[in-house]
C-alpha atoms as a PDB file:
ATOM      1  CA  UNK A   1       0.970  22.768  47.902  1.00  0.00           C
ATOM      2  CA  UNK A   2       0.897  26.550  47.553  1.00  0.00           C
ATOM      3  CA  UNK A   3      -0.726  29.033  45.224  1.00  0.00           C
ATOM      4  CA  UNK A   4       1.665  31.647  43.889  1.00  0.00           C
ATOM      5  CA  UNK A   5      -0.316  34.716  42.865  1.00  0.00           C
ATOM      6  CA  UNK A   6       1.366  37.745  41.310  1.00  0.00           C
ATOM      7  CA  UNK A   7       0.148  41.090  40.046  1.00  0.00           C
ATOM      8  CA  UNK A   8       2.489  42.614  37.447  1.00  0.00           C
ATOM      9  CA  UNK A   9       2.746  45.224  34.726  1.00  0.00           C
ATOM     10  CA  UNK A  10       1.046  44.086  31.474  1.00  0.00           C
ATOM     11  CA  UNK A  11       4.181  44.782  29.436  1.00  0.00           C
ATOM     12  CA  UNK A  12       6.160  42.283  31.556  1.00  0.00           C
ATOM     13  CA  UNK A  13       3.726  39.380  30.914  1.00  0.00           C
ATOM     14  CA  UNK A  14       5.756  37.666  28.180  1.00  0.00           C
ATOM     15  CA  UNK A  15       8.955  37.833  30.259  1.00  0.00           C
ATOM     16  CA  UNK A  16       7.192  36.399  33.329  1.00  0.00           C
ATOM     17  CA  UNK A  17       5.476  33.608  31.343  1.00  0.00           C
ATOM     18  CA  UNK A  18       8.818  32.500  29.927  1.00  0.00           C
ATOM     19  CA  UNK A  19      10.378  32.559  33.414  1.00  0.00           C
ATOM     20  CA  UNK A  20       7.479  30.541  34.834  1.00  0.00           C
ATOM     21  CA  UNK A  21       7.836  27.922  32.085  1.00  0.00           C
ATOM     22  CA  UNK A  22      11.569  27.659  32.733  1.00  0.00           C
ATOM     23  CA  UNK A  23      10.891  27.274  36.478  1.00  0.00           C
ATOM     24  CA  UNK A  24       8.837  24.154  35.678  1.00  0.00           C
ATOM     25  CA  UNK A  25       5.240  25.216  36.347  1.00  0.00           C
ATOM     26  CA  UNK A  26       2.770  22.881  34.639  1.00  0.00           C
ATOM     27  CA  UNK A  27      -0.075  25.380  34.284  1.00  0.00           C
ATOM     28  CA  UNK A  28      -1.267  28.861  35.182  1.00  0.00           C
ATOM     29  CA  UNK A  29      -4.223  31.241  34.977  1.00  0.00           C
ATOM     30  CA  UNK A  30      -3.770  34.780  33.654  1.00  0.00           C
ATOM     31  CA  UNK A  31      -6.327  37.545  34.229  1.00  0.00           C
ATOM     32  CA  UNK A  32      -6.446  41.214  33.241  1.00  0.00           C
ATOM     33  CA  UNK A  33      -7.166  43.303  36.341  1.00  0.00           C
ATOM     34  CA  UNK A  34      -7.098  46.942  37.461  1.00  0.00           C
ATOM     35  CA  UNK A  35      -6.032  48.377  40.784  1.00  0.00           C
ATOM     36  CA  UNK A  36      -3.586  50.573  42.627  1.00  0.00           C
ATOM     37  CA  UNK A  37      -0.976  50.346  45.334  1.00  0.00           C
ATOM     38  CA  UNK A  38       1.805  52.751  46.214  1.00  0.00           C
ATOM     39  CA  UNK A  39       1.766  53.948  42.620  1.00  0.00           C
ATOM     40  CA  UNK A  40      -1.551  55.734  43.385  1.00  0.00           C
ATOM     41  CA  UNK A  41      -2.386  56.294  39.729  1.00  0.00           C
ATOM     42  CA  UNK A  42      -1.039  58.902  37.363  1.00  0.00           C
ATOM     43  CA  UNK A  43      -1.953  62.385  36.206  1.00  0.00           C
ATOM     44  CA  UNK A  44      -2.548  63.040  32.495  1.00  0.00           C
ATOM     45  CA  UNK A  45      -3.613  65.990  30.368  1.00  0.00           C
ATOM     46  CA  UNK A  46      -6.323  65.965  27.737  1.00  0.00           C
ATOM     47  CA  UNK A  47      -7.193  69.140  25.807  1.00  0.00           C
ATOM     48  CA  UNK A  48      -5.595  71.285  28.463  1.00  0.00           C
ATOM     49  CA  UNK A  49      -7.429  69.687  31.364  1.00  0.00           C
ATOM     50  CA  UNK A  50      -5.586  67.639  33.971  1.00  0.00           C
ATOM     51  CA  UNK A  51      -7.142  64.449  35.322  1.00  0.00           C
ATOM     52  CA  UNK A  52      -6.007  61.564  37.482  1.00  0.00           C
ATOM     53  CA  UNK A  53      -6.274  57.926  36.505  1.00  0.00           C
ATOM     54  CA  UNK A  54      -6.489  56.064  39.809  1.00  0.00           C
ATOM     55  CA  UNK A  55      -6.831  52.415  38.745  1.00  0.00           C
ATOM     56  CA  UNK A  56      -3.938  51.068  36.725  1.00  0.00           C
ATOM     57  CA  UNK A  57      -4.166  48.119  34.324  1.00  0.00           C
ATOM     58  CA  UNK A  58      -2.301  45.070  35.675  1.00  0.00           C
ATOM     59  CA  UNK A  59      -2.110  41.328  34.986  1.00  0.00           C
ATOM     60  CA  UNK A  60      -2.716  38.687  37.659  1.00  0.00           C
ATOM     61  CA  UNK A  61      -1.090  35.284  37.313  1.00  0.00           C
ATOM     62  CA  UNK A  62      -2.088  32.321  39.511  1.00  0.00           C
ATOM     63  CA  UNK A  63      -0.058  29.114  39.727  1.00  0.00           C
ATOM     64  CA  UNK A  64      -0.392  26.146  42.090  1.00  0.00           C
ATOM     65  CA  UNK A  65       2.853  24.254  42.725  1.00  0.00           C
ATOM     66  CA  UNK A  66       4.323  21.864  45.297  1.00  0.00           C
ATOM     67  CA  UNK A  67       5.602  23.775  48.344  1.00  0.00           C
ATOM     68  CA  UNK A  68       9.240  22.934  47.605  1.00  0.00           C
ATOM     69  CA  UNK A  69       9.032  24.650  44.176  1.00  0.00           C
ATOM     70  CA  UNK A  70       7.571  27.914  45.489  1.00  0.00           C
ATOM     71  CA  UNK A  71      10.798  29.749  46.336  1.00  0.00           C
ATOM     72  CA  UNK A  72      12.341  29.130  42.923  1.00  0.00           C
ATOM     73  CA  UNK A  73       9.132  30.190  41.187  1.00  0.00           C
ATOM     74  CA  UNK A  74       8.825  33.387  43.237  1.00  0.00           C
ATOM     75  CA  UNK A  75      12.448  34.272  42.481  1.00  0.00           C
ATOM     76  CA  UNK A  76      11.930  33.673  38.739  1.00  0.00           C
ATOM     77  CA  UNK A  77       8.783  35.823  38.684  1.00  0.00           C
ATOM     78  CA  UNK A  78      10.433  38.644  40.617  1.00  0.00           C
ATOM     79  CA  UNK A  79      13.486  38.689  38.385  1.00  0.00           C
ATOM     80  CA  UNK A  80      11.404  38.709  35.177  1.00  0.00           C
ATOM     81  CA  UNK A  81       8.874  41.348  36.375  1.00  0.00           C
ATOM     82  CA  UNK A  82      11.319  43.817  37.964  1.00  0.00           C
ATOM     83  CA  UNK A  83      11.868  47.215  36.306  1.00  0.00           C
ATOM     84  CA  UNK A  84      13.050  48.928  39.481  1.00  0.00           C
ATOM     85  CA  UNK A  85      10.230  51.496  39.433  1.00  0.00           C
ATOM     86  CA  UNK A  86       7.120  51.931  41.584  1.00  0.00           C
ATOM     87  CA  UNK A  87       4.306  49.738  40.259  1.00  0.00           C
ATOM     88  CA  UNK A  88       6.289  46.575  39.430  1.00  0.00           C
ATOM     89  CA  UNK A  89       3.738  44.513  41.379  1.00  0.00           C
ATOM     90  CA  UNK A  90       3.558  41.943  44.142  1.00  0.00           C
ATOM     91  CA  UNK A  91       3.927  38.173  44.605  1.00  0.00           C
ATOM     92  CA  UNK A  92       1.789  36.312  47.151  1.00  0.00           C
ATOM     93  CA  UNK A  93       2.281  32.737  48.367  1.00  0.00           C
ATOM     94  CA  UNK A  94      -0.886  31.190  49.794  1.00  0.00           C
ATOM     95  CA  UNK A  95      -1.320  27.713  51.265  1.00  0.00           C
ATOM     96  CA  UNK A  96      -3.595  25.323  49.354  1.00  0.00           C
ATOM     97  CA  UNK A  97      -5.422  22.753  51.431  1.00  0.00           C
ATOM     98  CA  UNK A  98      -6.502  20.478  48.583  1.00  0.00           C
ATOM     99  CA  UNK A  99      -6.943  20.285  44.834  1.00  0.00           C
ATOM    100  CA  UNK A 100      -8.941  17.950  42.597  1.00  0.00           C
ATOM    101  CA  UNK A 101      -8.796  17.485  38.827  1.00  0.00           C
ATOM    102  CA  UNK A 102     -12.445  17.542  37.730  1.00  0.00           C
ATOM    103  CA  UNK A 103     -12.009  15.340  34.643  1.00  0.00           C
ATOM    104  CA  UNK A 104     -10.361  12.369  36.399  1.00  0.00           C
ATOM    105  CA  UNK A 105     -11.123  12.913  40.059  1.00  0.00           C
ATOM    106  CA  UNK A 106      -7.406  12.832  40.954  1.00  0.00           C
ATOM    107  CA  UNK A 107      -6.584  14.643  44.181  1.00  0.00           C
ATOM    108  CA  UNK A 108      -3.524  16.243  45.736  1.00  0.00           C
ATOM    109  CA  UNK A 109      -0.218  16.666  43.838  1.00  0.00           C
ATOM    110  CA  UNK A 110      -1.397  14.181  41.168  1.00  0.00           C
ATOM    111  CA  UNK A 111      -4.109  16.673  40.186  1.00  0.00           C
ATOM    112  CA  UNK A 112      -1.552  19.329  39.254  1.00  0.00           C
END
């Protein structure tokens, strides 16, 4: 099993959620986050004064899937989230050693 974690633009959330559903994921966690990468923030003006906003609002999505579904899921996320501009986000694939469903005690792929 692997955990697919992506950080994307908030305005692309609906597109990515639809792509994830179509790719067959059975569940996901979505969190509002802030951060920066190569985008390094943006400069704005307010009442004639210039200021820099360093941390950008982003959305983090976490999904655990069987290893053989990871490539298709990553491709679907990348296609749905891409605008072609700096700040589109990142996708991480992380190995998951074990998982357990708390309600039933099921372990491994049955817990997904």
